[in-house]
């Protein structure tokens, strides 16, 4: 007997798949906010008056906005906060989200295997 299995991420069928897809969407939203929300915040709080003159190899001088803010000036564990956030916190958050999803799916599978 062959089952017709139709899996659609945007239209989950059944209690198991609905809960699983909801958790995946939540994790994707958390990851999106952690990555792009922080970049938006950096851009939002940057001092537009902080500029630097850069001389190109062609001899042309260009003025650029540096992007200085309290987030780039603050030190955390010996690193600028924005660097630490991007280099270490996001990796730790990713590992935590993977662990959280594994715990969630184990619990969900054990609940549905009893039914």
N, C-alpha and C. Protein backbone atom coordinates (compact mmCIF):
# COMPACT_ATOMS: atom_id res chain seq x y z
N UNK A 1 0.85 -1.18 0.00
CA UNK A 1 0.00 0.00 0.00
C UNK A 1 0.89 1.24 0.00
N UNK A 2 0.66 2.10 -0.95
CA UNK A 2 1.46 3.30 -1.09
C UNK A 2 0.67 4.51 -0.60
N UNK A 3 1.30 5.28 0.31
CA UNK A 3 0.64 6.46 0.83
C UNK A 3 0.98 7.67 -0.02
N UNK A 4 0.00 8.53 -0.20
CA UNK A 4 0.24 9.79 -0.89
C UNK A 4 0.60 10.82 0.17
N UNK A 5 1.87 11.19 0.24
CA UNK A 5 2.34 12.14 1.24
C UNK A 5 2.56 13.48 0.58
N UNK A 6 1.82 14.47 1.03
CA UNK A 6 1.94 15.81 0.50
C UNK A 6 2.37 16.72 1.65
N UNK A 7 3.59 17.23 1.58
CA UNK A 7 4.12 18.08 2.63
C UNK A 7 4.25 19.49 2.08
N UNK A 8 3.63 20.44 2.78
CA UNK A 8 3.68 21.83 2.37
C UNK A 8 3.99 22.68 3.60
N UNK A 9 5.11 23.39 3.56
CA UNK A 9 5.54 24.21 4.70
C UNK A 9 4.53 25.33 5.00
N UNK A 10 3.88 25.84 3.97
CA UNK A 10 2.98 26.97 4.14
C UNK A 10 1.54 26.57 4.45
N UNK A 11 1.22 25.30 4.25
CA UNK A 11 -0.11 24.78 4.59
C UNK A 11 0.07 23.44 5.32
N UNK A 12 0.52 23.50 6.59
CA UNK A 12 0.75 22.24 7.31
C UNK A 12 -0.57 21.51 7.59
N UNK A 13 -0.48 20.19 7.52
CA UNK A 13 -1.65 19.34 7.76
C UNK A 13 -1.40 18.53 9.02
N UNK A 14 -2.35 18.50 9.91
CA UNK A 14 -2.24 17.71 11.12
C UNK A 14 -1.59 18.48 12.25
N UNK A 15 -1.80 17.97 13.45
CA UNK A 15 -1.32 18.62 14.67
C UNK A 15 0.21 18.64 14.75
N UNK A 16 0.83 17.50 14.42
CA UNK A 16 2.29 17.39 14.49
C UNK A 16 2.97 18.39 13.57
N UNK A 17 2.54 18.39 12.31
CA UNK A 17 3.18 19.26 11.33
C UNK A 17 2.88 20.74 11.62
N UNK A 18 1.70 21.05 12.11
CA UNK A 18 1.35 22.43 12.45
C UNK A 18 2.27 22.96 13.55
N UNK A 19 2.47 22.16 14.59
CA UNK A 19 3.34 22.58 15.69
C UNK A 19 4.80 22.67 15.23
N UNK A 20 5.22 21.72 14.41
CA UNK A 20 6.59 21.71 13.91
C UNK A 20 6.86 22.94 13.04
N UNK A 21 5.97 23.25 12.14
CA UNK A 21 6.14 24.40 11.25
C UNK A 21 6.07 25.71 12.05
N UNK A 22 5.20 25.76 13.04
CA UNK A 22 5.11 26.96 13.89
C UNK A 22 6.43 27.22 14.62
N UNK A 23 7.05 26.17 15.12
CA UNK A 23 8.33 26.32 15.81
C UNK A 23 9.42 26.76 14.82
N UNK A 24 9.42 26.19 13.63
CA UNK A 24 10.41 26.58 12.62
C UNK A 24 10.24 28.05 12.24
N UNK A 25 9.00 28.50 12.09
CA UNK A 25 8.75 29.91 11.77
C UNK A 25 9.22 30.81 12.89
N UNK A 26 8.97 30.42 14.14
CA UNK A 26 9.42 31.21 15.29
C UNK A 26 10.94 31.31 15.31
N UNK A 27 11.61 30.21 15.08
CA UNK A 27 13.08 30.21 15.06
C UNK A 27 13.61 31.08 13.93
N UNK A 28 12.98 31.03 12.76
CA UNK A 28 13.41 31.88 11.65
C UNK A 28 13.20 33.36 11.96
N UNK A 29 12.11 33.70 12.63
CA UNK A 29 11.86 35.09 13.01
C UNK A 29 12.90 35.55 14.03
N UNK A 30 13.20 34.72 15.02
CA UNK A 30 14.22 35.08 16.02
C UNK A 30 15.57 35.31 15.34
N UNK A 31 15.93 34.41 14.42
CA UNK A 31 17.22 34.55 13.72
C UNK A 31 17.25 35.81 12.85
N UNK A 32 16.15 36.07 12.15
CA UNK A 32 16.07 37.26 11.30
C UNK A 32 16.22 38.53 12.13
N UNK A 33 15.51 38.60 13.25
CA UNK A 33 15.58 39.79 14.11
C UNK A 33 16.98 39.93 14.70
N UNK A 34 17.57 38.82 15.12
CA UNK A 34 18.91 38.88 15.72
C UNK A 34 19.95 39.38 14.72
N UNK A 35 19.86 38.96 13.48
CA UNK A 35 20.85 39.36 12.48
C UNK A 35 20.53 40.72 11.88
N UNK A 36 19.37 40.84 11.26
CA UNK A 36 19.05 42.08 10.54
C UNK A 36 18.55 43.18 11.47
N UNK A 37 17.92 42.82 12.57
CA UNK A 37 17.49 43.84 13.53
C UNK A 37 18.68 44.56 14.14
N UNK A 38 19.74 43.83 14.44
CA UNK A 38 20.94 44.45 15.00
C UNK A 38 21.62 45.35 13.97
N UNK A 39 21.68 44.91 12.71
CA UNK A 39 22.26 45.74 11.66
C UNK A 39 21.45 47.02 11.47
N UNK A 40 20.13 46.90 11.52
CA UNK A 40 19.27 48.08 11.43
C UNK A 40 19.50 49.01 12.61
N UNK A 41 19.64 48.44 13.81
CA UNK A 41 19.90 49.24 15.01
C UNK A 41 21.24 49.97 14.89
N UNK A 42 22.26 49.30 14.40
CA UNK A 42 23.55 49.95 14.20
C UNK A 42 23.43 51.14 13.25
N UNK A 43 22.69 50.95 12.18
CA UNK A 43 22.49 52.03 11.21
C UNK A 43 21.67 53.16 11.82
N UNK A 44 20.69 52.80 12.63
CA UNK A 44 19.78 53.78 13.24
C UNK A 44 20.50 54.69 14.23
N UNK A 45 21.40 54.13 15.04
CA UNK A 45 22.05 54.92 16.10
C UNK A 45 23.39 55.49 15.68
N UNK A 46 23.80 55.27 14.44
CA UNK A 46 25.09 55.79 13.96
C UNK A 46 25.06 57.32 13.92
N UNK A 47 26.19 57.92 14.27
CA UNK A 47 26.32 59.38 14.24
C UNK A 47 26.59 59.82 12.81
N UNK A 48 25.66 60.56 12.19
CA UNK A 48 25.86 60.96 10.80
C UNK A 48 26.95 62.02 10.63
N UNK A 49 27.35 62.65 11.72
CA UNK A 49 28.38 63.69 11.64
C UNK A 49 29.79 63.12 11.71
N UNK A 50 29.93 61.87 12.11
CA UNK A 50 31.26 61.25 12.19
C UNK A 50 31.66 60.79 10.80
N UNK A 51 32.64 61.47 10.21
CA UNK A 51 33.07 61.15 8.86
C UNK A 51 34.58 60.94 8.81
N UNK A 52 35.04 60.33 7.74
CA UNK A 52 36.47 60.11 7.53
C UNK A 52 36.81 60.39 6.08
N UNK A 53 37.98 60.94 5.87
CA UNK A 53 38.47 61.21 4.52
C UNK A 53 39.30 60.00 4.07
N UNK A 54 38.98 59.48 2.89
CA UNK A 54 39.70 58.33 2.34
C UNK A 54 40.28 58.74 0.99
N UNK A 55 41.57 58.50 0.82
CA UNK A 55 42.22 58.81 -0.45
C UNK A 55 42.32 57.53 -1.27
N UNK A 56 41.72 57.54 -2.45
CA UNK A 56 41.72 56.39 -3.33
C UNK A 56 43.03 56.30 -4.11
N UNK A 57 43.27 55.16 -4.73
CA UNK A 57 44.50 54.97 -5.51
C UNK A 57 44.57 55.90 -6.71
N UNK A 58 43.43 56.41 -7.13
CA UNK A 58 43.38 57.35 -8.25
C UNK A 58 43.74 58.77 -7.82
N UNK A 59 43.89 58.98 -6.52
CA UNK A 59 44.22 60.30 -5.99
C UNK A 59 42.99 61.06 -5.53
N UNK A 60 41.81 60.54 -5.82
CA UNK A 60 40.57 61.19 -5.43
C UNK A 60 40.34 61.02 -3.93
N UNK A 61 39.86 62.06 -3.27
CA UNK A 61 39.56 62.01 -1.84
C UNK A 61 38.05 61.88 -1.67
N UNK A 62 37.63 60.88 -0.92
CA UNK A 62 36.21 60.61 -0.70
C UNK A 62 35.91 60.75 0.79
N UNK A 63 34.80 61.38 1.12
CA UNK A 63 34.36 61.50 2.50
C UNK A 63 33.30 60.43 2.76
N UNK A 64 33.54 59.61 3.80
CA UNK A 64 32.60 58.54 4.14
C UNK A 64 32.09 58.72 5.56
N UNK A 65 30.85 58.29 5.78
CA UNK A 65 30.30 58.26 7.14
C UNK A 65 30.89 57.04 7.83
N UNK A 66 31.44 57.25 9.03
CA UNK A 66 32.14 56.19 9.75
C UNK A 66 31.17 55.20 10.39
N UNK A 67 30.05 55.67 10.89
CA UNK A 67 29.10 54.79 11.55
C UNK A 67 29.37 54.63 13.02
N UNK A 68 30.03 55.60 13.62
CA UNK A 68 30.31 55.54 15.06
C UNK A 68 29.03 55.67 15.86
N UNK A 69 28.93 54.88 16.91
CA UNK A 69 27.79 54.98 17.83
C UNK A 69 28.22 54.39 19.17
N UNK A 70 27.33 54.44 20.13
CA UNK A 70 27.64 53.85 21.44
C UNK A 70 27.82 52.34 21.32
N UNK A 71 27.20 51.72 20.33
CA UNK A 71 27.34 50.27 20.14
C UNK A 71 28.73 49.90 19.60
N UNK A 72 29.31 50.77 18.81
CA UNK A 72 30.65 50.49 18.27
C UNK A 72 31.75 50.92 19.23
N UNK A 73 31.43 51.82 20.15
CA UNK A 73 32.42 52.31 21.11
C UNK A 73 32.45 51.48 22.39
N UNK A 74 31.36 50.81 22.72
CA UNK A 74 31.27 50.01 23.95
C UNK A 74 32.12 48.75 23.83
N UNK A 75 32.89 48.46 24.87
CA UNK A 75 33.72 47.25 24.91
C UNK A 75 32.98 46.16 25.70
N UNK A 76 33.02 44.93 25.20
CA UNK A 76 32.42 43.78 25.89
C UNK A 76 33.38 42.62 25.75
N UNK A 77 33.85 42.10 26.87
CA UNK A 77 34.83 41.01 26.90
C UNK A 77 36.07 41.35 26.08
N UNK A 78 36.44 42.62 26.08
CA UNK A 78 37.64 43.06 25.39
C UNK A 78 37.47 43.36 23.91
N UNK A 79 36.27 43.23 23.38
CA UNK A 79 36.00 43.49 21.97
C UNK A 79 34.96 44.60 21.85
N UNK A 80 34.95 45.32 20.73
CA UNK A 80 33.84 46.24 20.50
C UNK A 80 32.53 45.44 20.49
N UNK A 81 31.48 46.00 21.08
CA UNK A 81 30.24 45.24 21.25
C UNK A 81 29.69 44.74 19.93
N UNK A 82 29.69 45.56 18.89
CA UNK A 82 29.11 45.13 17.61
C UNK A 82 29.89 43.95 17.02
N UNK A 83 31.21 43.91 17.24
CA UNK A 83 32.01 42.79 16.75
C UNK A 83 31.68 41.53 17.56
N UNK A 84 31.64 41.66 18.89
CA UNK A 84 31.33 40.51 19.73
C UNK A 84 29.97 39.94 19.39
N UNK A 85 28.99 40.81 19.19
CA UNK A 85 27.63 40.37 18.87
C UNK A 85 27.62 39.55 17.58
N UNK A 86 28.29 40.08 16.55
CA UNK A 86 28.28 39.40 15.26
C UNK A 86 29.15 38.14 15.26
N UNK A 87 30.29 38.19 15.92
CA UNK A 87 31.24 37.09 15.85
C UNK A 87 30.97 35.96 16.84
N UNK A 88 30.41 36.29 18.00
CA UNK A 88 30.25 35.26 19.01
C UNK A 88 28.80 35.05 19.44
N UNK A 89 28.07 36.12 19.68
CA UNK A 89 26.70 35.96 20.15
C UNK A 89 25.82 35.27 19.11
N UNK A 90 25.93 35.67 17.85
CA UNK A 90 25.08 35.07 16.82
C UNK A 90 25.36 33.57 16.66
N UNK A 91 26.62 33.18 16.82
CA UNK A 91 26.96 31.76 16.75
C UNK A 91 26.37 31.02 17.95
N UNK A 92 26.50 31.60 19.13
CA UNK A 92 25.92 30.98 20.33
C UNK A 92 24.40 30.91 20.22
N UNK A 93 23.78 31.96 19.67
CA UNK A 93 22.33 31.95 19.47
C UNK A 93 21.93 30.85 18.51
N UNK A 94 22.68 30.67 17.43
CA UNK A 94 22.39 29.61 16.47
C UNK A 94 22.45 28.23 17.13
N UNK A 95 23.49 28.00 17.92
CA UNK A 95 23.62 26.72 18.62
C UNK A 95 22.47 26.51 19.60
N UNK A 96 22.10 27.58 20.32
CA UNK A 96 20.97 27.49 21.25
C UNK A 96 19.68 27.19 20.50
N UNK A 97 19.43 27.84 19.38
CA UNK A 97 18.20 27.59 18.62
C UNK A 97 18.15 26.16 18.09
N UNK A 98 19.30 25.63 17.67
CA UNK A 98 19.36 24.21 17.24
C UNK A 98 19.03 23.28 18.40
N UNK A 99 19.62 23.55 19.57
CA UNK A 99 19.36 22.73 20.76
C UNK A 99 17.89 22.82 21.15
N UNK A 100 17.33 24.02 21.12
CA UNK A 100 15.93 24.24 21.49
C UNK A 100 15.00 23.49 20.54
N UNK A 101 15.29 23.55 19.25
CA UNK A 101 14.46 22.83 18.27
C UNK A 101 14.57 21.33 18.49
N UNK A 102 15.75 20.81 18.76
CA UNK A 102 15.92 19.37 19.01
C UNK A 102 15.11 18.93 20.22
N UNK A 103 15.17 19.71 21.30
CA UNK A 103 14.37 19.39 22.49
C UNK A 103 12.88 19.43 22.17
N UNK A 104 12.47 20.45 21.42
CA UNK A 104 11.06 20.59 21.06
C UNK A 104 10.59 19.41 20.22
N UNK A 105 11.37 19.04 19.19
CA UNK A 105 10.93 17.97 18.29
C UNK A 105 10.95 16.62 19.01
N UNK A 106 11.89 16.41 19.93
CA UNK A 106 11.89 15.17 20.72
C UNK A 106 10.62 15.05 21.56
N UNK A 107 10.26 16.16 22.19
CA UNK A 107 9.03 16.17 23.01
C UNK A 107 7.81 15.96 22.13
N UNK A 108 7.77 16.62 20.98
CA UNK A 108 6.62 16.50 20.08
C UNK A 108 6.50 15.07 19.54
N UNK A 109 7.61 14.47 19.18
CA UNK A 109 7.57 13.09 18.68
C UNK A 109 7.14 12.12 19.77
N UNK A 110 7.61 12.34 20.99
CA UNK A 110 7.19 11.43 22.08
C UNK A 110 5.69 11.59 22.38
N UNK A 111 5.18 12.80 22.29
CA UNK A 111 3.73 13.00 22.50
C UNK A 111 2.92 12.32 21.42
N UNK A 112 3.36 12.38 20.17
CA UNK A 112 2.58 11.83 19.07
C UNK A 112 2.82 10.33 18.90
N UNK A 113 3.88 9.79 19.45
CA UNK A 113 4.08 8.33 19.36
C UNK A 113 3.18 7.60 20.36
N UNK A 114 2.72 8.30 21.40
CA UNK A 114 1.82 7.70 22.39
C UNK A 114 0.39 7.62 21.89
N UNK A 115 0.06 8.45 20.89
CA UNK A 115 -1.33 8.48 20.40
C UNK A 115 -1.64 7.30 19.55
